[in-house]
């Protein structure tokens, strides 16, 4: 077998992964953003990493929207624990453009697990500021509280 064939087989096996107690299908992959479908919980799970660029944030968010619509889901678990710095360039777009479209598409609960980075937390607060009146978006420090809220 050649190396390319082996790599292709290994990569296709990774499309369906287990993270902790969750079994998820990979829907979209980029260096700083992985969007998964969690069939067991019927939610979109997104794992953000490093310092995502404005382009990465917008592309990842659009993929989340596509998956939410495709699966007719109402729930998102947005995980920023691996984000290491600011992504402020996209925060206003997330707040004013993307979140309203997510709500129109049927979003009912968006659980946002915070990054340990203060600068990333600031960008997240900027993104949620225009939507604080609603009970749709909640910020969490840990996964357990976020998952519990989604399951209420």
N, C-alpha and C. Protein backbone atom coordinates (compact mmCIF):
# COMPACT_ATOMS: atom_id res chain seq x y z
N UNK A 1 0.84 -1.19 0.00
CA UNK A 1 0.00 0.00 0.00
C UNK A 1 0.88 1.24 0.00
N UNK A 2 0.46 2.23 -0.76
CA UNK A 2 1.26 3.46 -0.74
C UNK A 2 0.85 4.36 0.42
N UNK A 3 1.69 5.30 0.74
CA UNK A 3 1.47 6.17 1.90
C UNK A 3 0.23 7.03 1.75
N UNK A 4 -0.04 7.49 0.55
CA UNK A 4 -1.22 8.33 0.31
C UNK A 4 -2.49 7.56 0.59
N UNK A 5 -2.55 6.30 0.16
CA UNK A 5 -3.73 5.48 0.40
C UNK A 5 -3.94 5.26 1.90
N UNK A 6 -2.85 4.96 2.62
CA UNK A 6 -2.94 4.74 4.07
C UNK A 6 -3.42 6.02 4.76
N UNK A 7 -2.86 7.17 4.36
CA UNK A 7 -3.28 8.44 4.95
C UNK A 7 -4.75 8.69 4.68
N UNK A 8 -5.22 8.42 3.47
CA UNK A 8 -6.63 8.63 3.11
C UNK A 8 -7.54 7.74 3.96
N UNK A 9 -7.13 6.49 4.16
CA UNK A 9 -7.93 5.59 4.99
C UNK A 9 -7.99 6.10 6.43
N UNK A 10 -6.85 6.51 6.97
CA UNK A 10 -6.80 7.00 8.34
C UNK A 10 -7.66 8.26 8.49
N UNK A 11 -7.57 9.17 7.54
CA UNK A 11 -8.33 10.41 7.57
C UNK A 11 -9.83 10.13 7.53
N UNK A 12 -10.26 9.19 6.70
CA UNK A 12 -11.69 8.88 6.62
C UNK A 12 -12.18 8.24 7.91
N UNK A 13 -11.32 7.49 8.60
CA UNK A 13 -11.71 6.90 9.88
C UNK A 13 -11.92 7.98 10.92
N UNK A 14 -11.21 9.09 10.81
CA UNK A 14 -11.32 10.17 11.78
C UNK A 14 -12.58 11.02 11.58
N UNK A 15 -13.28 10.82 10.50
CA UNK A 15 -14.49 11.61 10.26
C UNK A 15 -15.54 11.36 11.34
N UNK A 16 -15.52 10.20 11.93
CA UNK A 16 -16.45 9.86 13.00
C UNK A 16 -15.61 9.68 14.26
N UNK A 17 -15.65 10.64 15.17
CA UNK A 17 -14.74 10.62 16.31
C UNK A 17 -15.48 10.56 17.63
N UNK A 18 -14.78 10.13 18.64
CA UNK A 18 -15.29 10.16 19.99
C UNK A 18 -14.52 11.21 20.77
N UNK A 19 -15.22 12.15 21.37
CA UNK A 19 -14.61 13.15 22.24
C UNK A 19 -15.29 12.99 23.59
N UNK A 20 -14.55 12.52 24.56
CA UNK A 20 -15.15 12.26 25.85
C UNK A 20 -16.27 11.26 25.70
N UNK A 21 -17.45 11.65 26.14
CA UNK A 21 -18.59 10.74 26.05
C UNK A 21 -19.42 10.98 24.80
N UNK A 22 -18.95 11.85 23.93
CA UNK A 22 -19.71 12.21 22.75
C UNK A 22 -19.16 11.53 21.50
N UNK A 23 -20.03 11.00 20.68
CA UNK A 23 -19.64 10.45 19.38
C UNK A 23 -20.16 11.43 18.34
N UNK A 24 -19.26 12.01 17.56
CA UNK A 24 -19.66 13.07 16.64
C UNK A 24 -19.12 12.85 15.25
N UNK A 25 -19.88 13.32 14.28
CA UNK A 25 -19.45 13.29 12.88
C UNK A 25 -18.85 14.64 12.53
N UNK A 26 -17.69 14.61 11.90
CA UNK A 26 -17.03 15.83 11.46
C UNK A 26 -17.74 16.36 10.22
N UNK A 27 -18.17 17.61 10.28
CA UNK A 27 -18.90 18.25 9.18
C UNK A 27 -18.00 19.22 8.42
N UNK A 28 -17.12 19.92 9.15
CA UNK A 28 -16.25 20.95 8.55
C UNK A 28 -14.95 20.98 9.34
N UNK A 29 -13.84 21.11 8.60
CA UNK A 29 -12.54 21.13 9.24
C UNK A 29 -11.66 22.22 8.64
N UNK A 30 -11.10 23.02 9.52
CA UNK A 30 -10.14 24.06 9.18
C UNK A 30 -9.15 24.08 10.33
N UNK A 31 -7.97 24.62 10.13
CA UNK A 31 -6.95 24.57 11.17
C UNK A 31 -7.44 25.05 12.53
N UNK A 32 -8.22 26.10 12.58
CA UNK A 32 -8.65 26.69 13.85
C UNK A 32 -10.12 26.48 14.17
N UNK A 33 -10.79 25.62 13.41
CA UNK A 33 -12.22 25.42 13.63
C UNK A 33 -12.64 24.03 13.14
N UNK A 34 -13.28 23.28 14.02
CA UNK A 34 -13.86 21.99 13.67
C UNK A 34 -15.34 22.04 14.02
N UNK A 35 -16.20 21.75 13.05
CA UNK A 35 -17.64 21.74 13.28
C UNK A 35 -18.10 20.29 13.18
N UNK A 36 -18.77 19.84 14.22
CA UNK A 36 -19.24 18.45 14.30
C UNK A 36 -20.76 18.41 14.48
N UNK A 37 -21.33 17.28 14.09
CA UNK A 37 -22.72 16.98 14.42
C UNK A 37 -22.72 15.92 15.50
N UNK A 38 -23.37 16.21 16.62
CA UNK A 38 -23.51 15.26 17.72
C UNK A 38 -24.90 14.65 17.61
N UNK A 39 -24.97 13.46 17.03
CA UNK A 39 -26.24 12.80 16.77
C UNK A 39 -26.95 12.38 18.05
N UNK A 40 -26.18 11.99 19.04
CA UNK A 40 -26.76 11.55 20.31
C UNK A 40 -27.51 12.68 21.01
N UNK A 41 -26.94 13.89 20.95
CA UNK A 41 -27.55 15.03 21.64
C UNK A 41 -28.33 15.96 20.71
N UNK A 42 -28.26 15.71 19.42
CA UNK A 42 -28.96 16.52 18.43
C UNK A 42 -28.51 17.98 18.48
N UNK A 43 -27.18 18.18 18.52
CA UNK A 43 -26.67 19.54 18.50
C UNK A 43 -25.42 19.66 17.65
N UNK A 44 -25.14 20.92 17.29
CA UNK A 44 -23.92 21.28 16.59
C UNK A 44 -22.86 21.51 17.67
N UNK A 45 -21.69 20.89 17.50
CA UNK A 45 -20.58 21.12 18.41
C UNK A 45 -19.44 21.72 17.60
N UNK A 46 -18.94 22.87 18.05
CA UNK A 46 -17.84 23.53 17.35
C UNK A 46 -16.67 23.72 18.31
N UNK A 47 -15.51 23.28 17.85
CA UNK A 47 -14.27 23.40 18.62
C UNK A 47 -13.37 24.42 17.93
N UNK A 48 -13.23 25.59 18.55
CA UNK A 48 -12.37 26.65 18.03
C UNK A 48 -11.00 26.53 18.66
N UNK A 49 -9.95 26.89 17.90
CA UNK A 49 -8.58 26.74 18.39
C UNK A 49 -7.74 27.97 18.06
N UNK A 50 -6.65 28.12 18.80
CA UNK A 50 -5.63 29.14 18.54
C UNK A 50 -6.24 30.54 18.54
N UNK A 51 -5.88 31.36 17.57
CA UNK A 51 -6.47 32.69 17.41
C UNK A 51 -7.09 32.71 16.02
N UNK A 52 -8.37 32.38 15.92
CA UNK A 52 -8.99 32.31 14.60
C UNK A 52 -9.06 33.69 13.94
N UNK A 53 -8.73 33.73 12.66
CA UNK A 53 -8.80 34.98 11.89
C UNK A 53 -10.27 35.34 11.64
N UNK A 54 -10.48 36.56 11.20
CA UNK A 54 -11.83 36.99 10.84
C UNK A 54 -12.42 36.06 9.78
N UNK A 55 -11.62 35.71 8.79
CA UNK A 55 -12.05 34.81 7.73
C UNK A 55 -12.44 33.44 8.29
N UNK A 56 -11.63 32.91 9.18
CA UNK A 56 -11.92 31.61 9.79
C UNK A 56 -13.19 31.65 10.60
N UNK A 57 -13.37 32.72 11.39
CA UNK A 57 -14.58 32.84 12.20
C UNK A 57 -15.81 32.87 11.30
N UNK A 58 -15.76 33.68 10.26
CA UNK A 58 -16.92 33.79 9.37
C UNK A 58 -17.21 32.47 8.66
N UNK A 59 -16.17 31.81 8.16
CA UNK A 59 -16.38 30.53 7.47
C UNK A 59 -16.90 29.47 8.43
N UNK A 60 -16.31 29.38 9.62
CA UNK A 60 -16.76 28.41 10.61
C UNK A 60 -18.20 28.66 11.03
N UNK A 61 -18.53 29.92 11.25
CA UNK A 61 -19.91 30.26 11.63
C UNK A 61 -20.90 29.92 10.53
N UNK A 62 -20.54 30.19 9.29
CA UNK A 62 -21.44 29.84 8.17
C UNK A 62 -21.65 28.33 8.09
N UNK A 63 -20.60 27.57 8.37
CA UNK A 63 -20.74 26.11 8.36
C UNK A 63 -21.63 25.64 9.51
N UNK A 64 -21.54 26.29 10.66
CA UNK A 64 -22.43 25.97 11.78
C UNK A 64 -23.88 26.23 11.38
N UNK A 65 -24.13 27.35 10.72
CA UNK A 65 -25.47 27.69 10.28
C UNK A 65 -26.00 26.64 9.29
N UNK A 66 -25.16 26.25 8.33
CA UNK A 66 -25.57 25.22 7.36
C UNK A 66 -25.97 23.92 8.07
N UNK A 67 -25.15 23.52 9.04
CA UNK A 67 -25.42 22.27 9.74
C UNK A 67 -26.68 22.37 10.59
N UNK A 68 -26.88 23.50 11.26
CA UNK A 68 -28.08 23.71 12.06
C UNK A 68 -29.33 23.56 11.19
N UNK A 69 -29.28 24.15 10.00
CA UNK A 69 -30.41 24.07 9.07
C UNK A 69 -30.57 22.64 8.54
N UNK A 70 -29.47 22.05 8.11
CA UNK A 70 -29.52 20.70 7.52
C UNK A 70 -30.11 19.68 8.49
N UNK A 71 -29.72 19.77 9.75
CA UNK A 71 -30.16 18.80 10.76
C UNK A 71 -31.43 19.23 11.48
N UNK A 72 -31.93 20.42 11.14
CA UNK A 72 -33.13 20.96 11.80
C UNK A 72 -32.96 20.96 13.33
N UNK A 73 -31.78 21.37 13.74
CA UNK A 73 -31.46 21.42 15.17
C UNK A 73 -31.77 22.80 15.73
N UNK A 74 -31.82 22.88 17.04
CA UNK A 74 -32.04 24.16 17.72
C UNK A 74 -30.95 24.45 18.74
N UNK A 75 -29.93 23.57 18.81
CA UNK A 75 -28.92 23.65 19.87
C UNK A 75 -27.50 23.71 19.32
N UNK A 76 -26.66 24.52 20.00
CA UNK A 76 -25.24 24.61 19.65
C UNK A 76 -24.42 24.58 20.94
N UNK A 77 -23.36 23.76 20.91
CA UNK A 77 -22.34 23.78 21.96
C UNK A 77 -21.09 24.35 21.31
N UNK A 78 -20.76 25.58 21.66
CA UNK A 78 -19.65 26.32 21.05
C UNK A 78 -18.48 26.35 22.04
N UNK A 79 -17.41 25.66 21.70
CA UNK A 79 -16.31 25.44 22.64
C UNK A 79 -15.09 26.28 22.28
N UNK A 80 -14.78 27.25 23.15
CA UNK A 80 -13.63 28.13 22.94
C UNK A 80 -12.48 27.83 23.89
N UNK A 81 -12.50 26.69 24.55
CA UNK A 81 -11.45 26.39 25.54
C UNK A 81 -10.05 26.35 24.93
N UNK A 82 -9.97 26.10 23.63
CA UNK A 82 -8.66 26.03 22.97
C UNK A 82 -8.29 27.31 22.21
N UNK A 83 -9.08 28.36 22.40
CA UNK A 83 -8.76 29.64 21.78
C UNK A 83 -7.76 30.35 22.70
N UNK A 84 -6.69 30.85 22.10
CA UNK A 84 -5.59 31.40 22.91
C UNK A 84 -5.47 32.91 22.89
N UNK A 85 -6.35 33.60 22.16
CA UNK A 85 -6.24 35.05 22.09
C UNK A 85 -7.45 35.68 21.44
N UNK A 86 -7.34 36.96 21.07
CA UNK A 86 -8.49 37.72 20.58
C UNK A 86 -8.88 37.37 19.15
N UNK A 87 -10.16 37.55 18.88
CA UNK A 87 -10.70 37.41 17.53
C UNK A 87 -11.72 38.52 17.29
N UNK A 88 -11.42 39.70 17.84
CA UNK A 88 -12.33 40.85 17.85
C UNK A 88 -12.78 41.31 16.47
N UNK A 89 -11.94 41.06 15.43
CA UNK A 89 -12.29 41.55 14.09
C UNK A 89 -13.64 41.04 13.63
N UNK A 90 -14.03 39.85 14.09
CA UNK A 90 -15.29 39.26 13.63
C UNK A 90 -16.43 39.41 14.63
N UNK A 91 -16.16 39.93 15.81
CA UNK A 91 -17.16 39.96 16.88
C UNK A 91 -18.42 40.73 16.49
N UNK A 92 -18.26 41.88 15.86
CA UNK A 92 -19.43 42.68 15.47
C UNK A 92 -20.25 41.94 14.41
N UNK A 93 -19.58 41.31 13.45
CA UNK A 93 -20.28 40.54 12.42
C UNK A 93 -21.07 39.40 13.06
N UNK A 94 -20.47 38.70 14.02
CA UNK A 94 -21.15 37.61 14.71
C UNK A 94 -22.42 38.14 15.38
N UNK A 95 -22.30 39.27 16.08
CA UNK A 95 -23.43 39.84 16.82
C UNK A 95 -24.53 40.36 15.91
N UNK A 96 -24.16 41.09 14.87
CA UNK A 96 -25.15 41.81 14.07
C UNK A 96 -25.65 41.06 12.84
N UNK A 97 -24.86 40.14 12.33
CA UNK A 97 -25.22 39.44 11.09
C UNK A 97 -25.54 37.97 11.35
N UNK A 98 -24.60 37.27 11.95
CA UNK A 98 -24.70 35.82 12.05
C UNK A 98 -25.71 35.35 13.10
N UNK A 99 -25.64 35.88 14.33
CA UNK A 99 -26.58 35.43 15.36
C UNK A 99 -28.04 35.63 14.94
N UNK A 100 -28.42 36.78 14.37
CA UNK A 100 -29.81 36.91 13.92
C UNK A 100 -30.21 35.85 12.89
N UNK A 101 -29.30 35.49 12.01
CA UNK A 101 -29.61 34.45 11.02
C UNK A 101 -29.72 33.08 11.68
N UNK A 102 -28.92 32.83 12.70
CA UNK A 102 -29.03 31.58 13.44
C UNK A 102 -30.39 31.47 14.12
N UNK A 103 -30.84 32.56 14.72
CA UNK A 103 -32.14 32.57 15.39
C UNK A 103 -33.26 32.36 14.37
N UNK A 104 -33.17 33.03 13.24
CA UNK A 104 -34.16 32.84 12.17
C UNK A 104 -34.19 31.38 11.70
N UNK A 105 -33.02 30.72 11.71
CA UNK A 105 -32.92 29.32 11.28
C UNK A 105 -33.44 28.34 12.33
N UNK A 106 -33.76 28.84 13.53
CA UNK A 106 -34.35 27.97 14.54
C UNK A 106 -33.56 27.80 15.82
N UNK A 107 -32.43 28.50 15.97
CA UNK A 107 -31.62 28.39 17.17
C UNK A 107 -32.43 28.75 18.41
N UNK A 108 -32.39 27.87 19.41
CA UNK A 108 -33.07 28.12 20.69
C UNK A 108 -32.09 28.25 21.85
N UNK A 109 -30.96 27.51 21.77
CA UNK A 109 -29.96 27.56 22.84
C UNK A 109 -28.56 27.50 22.24
N UNK A 110 -27.73 28.45 22.65
CA UNK A 110 -26.34 28.52 22.22
C UNK A 110 -25.48 28.57 23.47
N UNK A 111 -24.88 27.43 23.82
CA UNK A 111 -24.03 27.34 25.01
C UNK A 111 -22.59 27.60 24.59
N UNK A 112 -22.00 28.64 25.14
CA UNK A 112 -20.67 29.08 24.74
C UNK A 112 -19.70 28.83 25.88
N UNK A 113 -18.83 27.82 25.72
CA UNK A 113 -17.80 27.54 26.72
C UNK A 113 -16.64 28.50 26.48
N UNK A 114 -16.34 29.28 27.50
CA UNK A 114 -15.35 30.35 27.39
C UNK A 114 -13.91 29.85 27.29
N UNK A 115 -13.10 30.64 26.65
CA UNK A 115 -11.65 30.45 26.61
C UNK A 115 -11.06 30.92 27.92
N UNK A 116 -9.93 30.36 28.32
CA UNK A 116 -9.24 30.92 29.48
C UNK A 116 -8.62 32.30 29.18
N UNK A 117 -8.48 32.64 27.90
CA UNK A 117 -7.90 33.92 27.49
C UNK A 117 -8.86 35.08 27.74
N UNK A 118 -8.40 36.08 28.49
CA UNK A 118 -9.23 37.26 28.78
C UNK A 118 -9.60 37.99 27.49
N UNK A 119 -8.69 38.03 26.52
CA UNK A 119 -8.97 38.72 25.26
C UNK A 119 -10.02 37.98 24.44
N UNK A 120 -10.01 36.67 24.48
CA UNK A 120 -11.04 35.89 23.80
C UNK A 120 -12.40 36.07 24.49
N UNK A 121 -12.39 36.09 25.82
CA UNK A 121 -13.63 36.32 26.57
C UNK A 121 -14.22 37.68 26.21
N UNK A 122 -13.37 38.68 26.06
CA UNK A 122 -13.84 40.02 25.68
C UNK A 122 -14.54 39.98 24.32
N UNK A 123 -13.95 39.28 23.35
CA UNK A 123 -14.56 39.16 22.02
C UNK A 123 -15.89 38.43 22.11
N UNK A 124 -15.97 37.40 22.94
CA UNK A 124 -17.23 36.67 23.11
C UNK A 124 -18.30 37.58 23.70
N UNK A 125 -17.93 38.39 24.68
CA UNK A 125 -18.91 39.33 25.27
C UNK A 125 -19.37 40.36 24.24
N UNK A 126 -18.43 40.81 23.38
CA UNK A 126 -18.81 41.72 22.30
C UNK A 126 -19.84 41.06 21.37
N UNK A 127 -19.63 39.81 21.08
CA UNK A 127 -20.51 39.08 20.16
C UNK A 127 -21.90 38.85 20.74
N UNK A 128 -21.98 38.74 22.05
CA UNK A 128 -23.27 38.45 22.67
C UNK A 128 -23.98 39.70 23.20
N UNK A 129 -23.31 40.84 23.19
CA UNK A 129 -23.86 42.06 23.80
C UNK A 129 -25.21 42.45 23.22
N UNK A 130 -25.38 42.35 21.92
CA UNK A 130 -26.63 42.76 21.28
C UNK A 130 -27.75 41.74 21.48
N UNK A 131 -27.42 40.59 22.04
CA UNK A 131 -28.40 39.53 22.20
C UNK A 131 -28.63 39.16 23.67
N UNK A 132 -28.23 40.04 24.60
CA UNK A 132 -28.33 39.73 26.01
C UNK A 132 -29.76 39.67 26.53
N UNK A 133 -30.67 40.36 25.86
CA UNK A 133 -32.06 40.36 26.33
C UNK A 133 -32.69 38.98 26.17
N UNK A 134 -32.26 38.27 25.16
CA UNK A 134 -32.84 36.95 24.91
C UNK A 134 -32.18 35.93 25.81
N UNK A 135 -32.81 34.80 25.95
CA UNK A 135 -32.28 33.73 26.78
C UNK A 135 -31.62 32.67 25.91
N UNK A 136 -31.26 33.02 24.69
CA UNK A 136 -30.73 32.05 23.73
C UNK A 136 -29.26 31.77 23.95
N UNK A 137 -28.47 32.79 24.23
CA UNK A 137 -27.01 32.64 24.34
C UNK A 137 -26.59 32.73 25.80
N UNK A 138 -25.87 31.70 26.25
CA UNK A 138 -25.32 31.71 27.60
C UNK A 138 -23.82 31.42 27.54
N UNK A 139 -23.06 32.14 28.34
CA UNK A 139 -21.61 31.94 28.44
C UNK A 139 -21.31 31.09 29.67
N UNK A 140 -20.41 30.11 29.50
CA UNK A 140 -20.06 29.19 30.58
C UNK A 140 -18.55 29.09 30.72
N UNK A 141 -18.11 28.77 31.93
CA UNK A 141 -16.69 28.56 32.20
C UNK A 141 -16.29 27.11 31.95
N UNK A 142 -17.25 26.19 32.01
CA UNK A 142 -16.93 24.78 31.86
C UNK A 142 -17.95 24.03 31.04
N UNK A 143 -17.55 22.86 30.58
CA UNK A 143 -18.40 22.04 29.73
C UNK A 143 -19.62 21.49 30.47
N UNK A 144 -19.45 21.05 31.69
CA UNK A 144 -20.55 20.42 32.41
C UNK A 144 -21.76 21.34 32.54
N UNK A 145 -21.53 22.57 32.93
CA UNK A 145 -22.64 23.53 33.07
C UNK A 145 -23.28 23.82 31.72
N UNK A 146 -22.47 23.93 30.68
CA UNK A 146 -23.00 24.20 29.34
C UNK A 146 -23.88 23.06 28.86
N UNK A 147 -23.40 21.84 29.03
CA UNK A 147 -24.17 20.67 28.59
C UNK A 147 -25.45 20.54 29.41
N UNK A 148 -25.36 20.76 30.70
CA UNK A 148 -26.56 20.68 31.55
C UNK A 148 -27.62 21.69 31.10
N UNK A 149 -27.20 22.90 30.77
CA UNK A 149 -28.14 23.93 30.31
C UNK A 149 -28.78 23.52 28.99
N UNK A 150 -27.98 23.00 28.06
CA UNK A 150 -28.54 22.56 26.78
C UNK A 150 -29.55 21.44 26.97
N UNK A 151 -29.34 20.59 27.97
CA UNK A 151 -30.22 19.45 28.21
C UNK A 151 -31.46 19.78 29.04
N UNK A 152 -31.56 21.01 29.53
CA UNK A 152 -32.75 21.40 30.33
C UNK A 152 -34.00 21.41 29.48
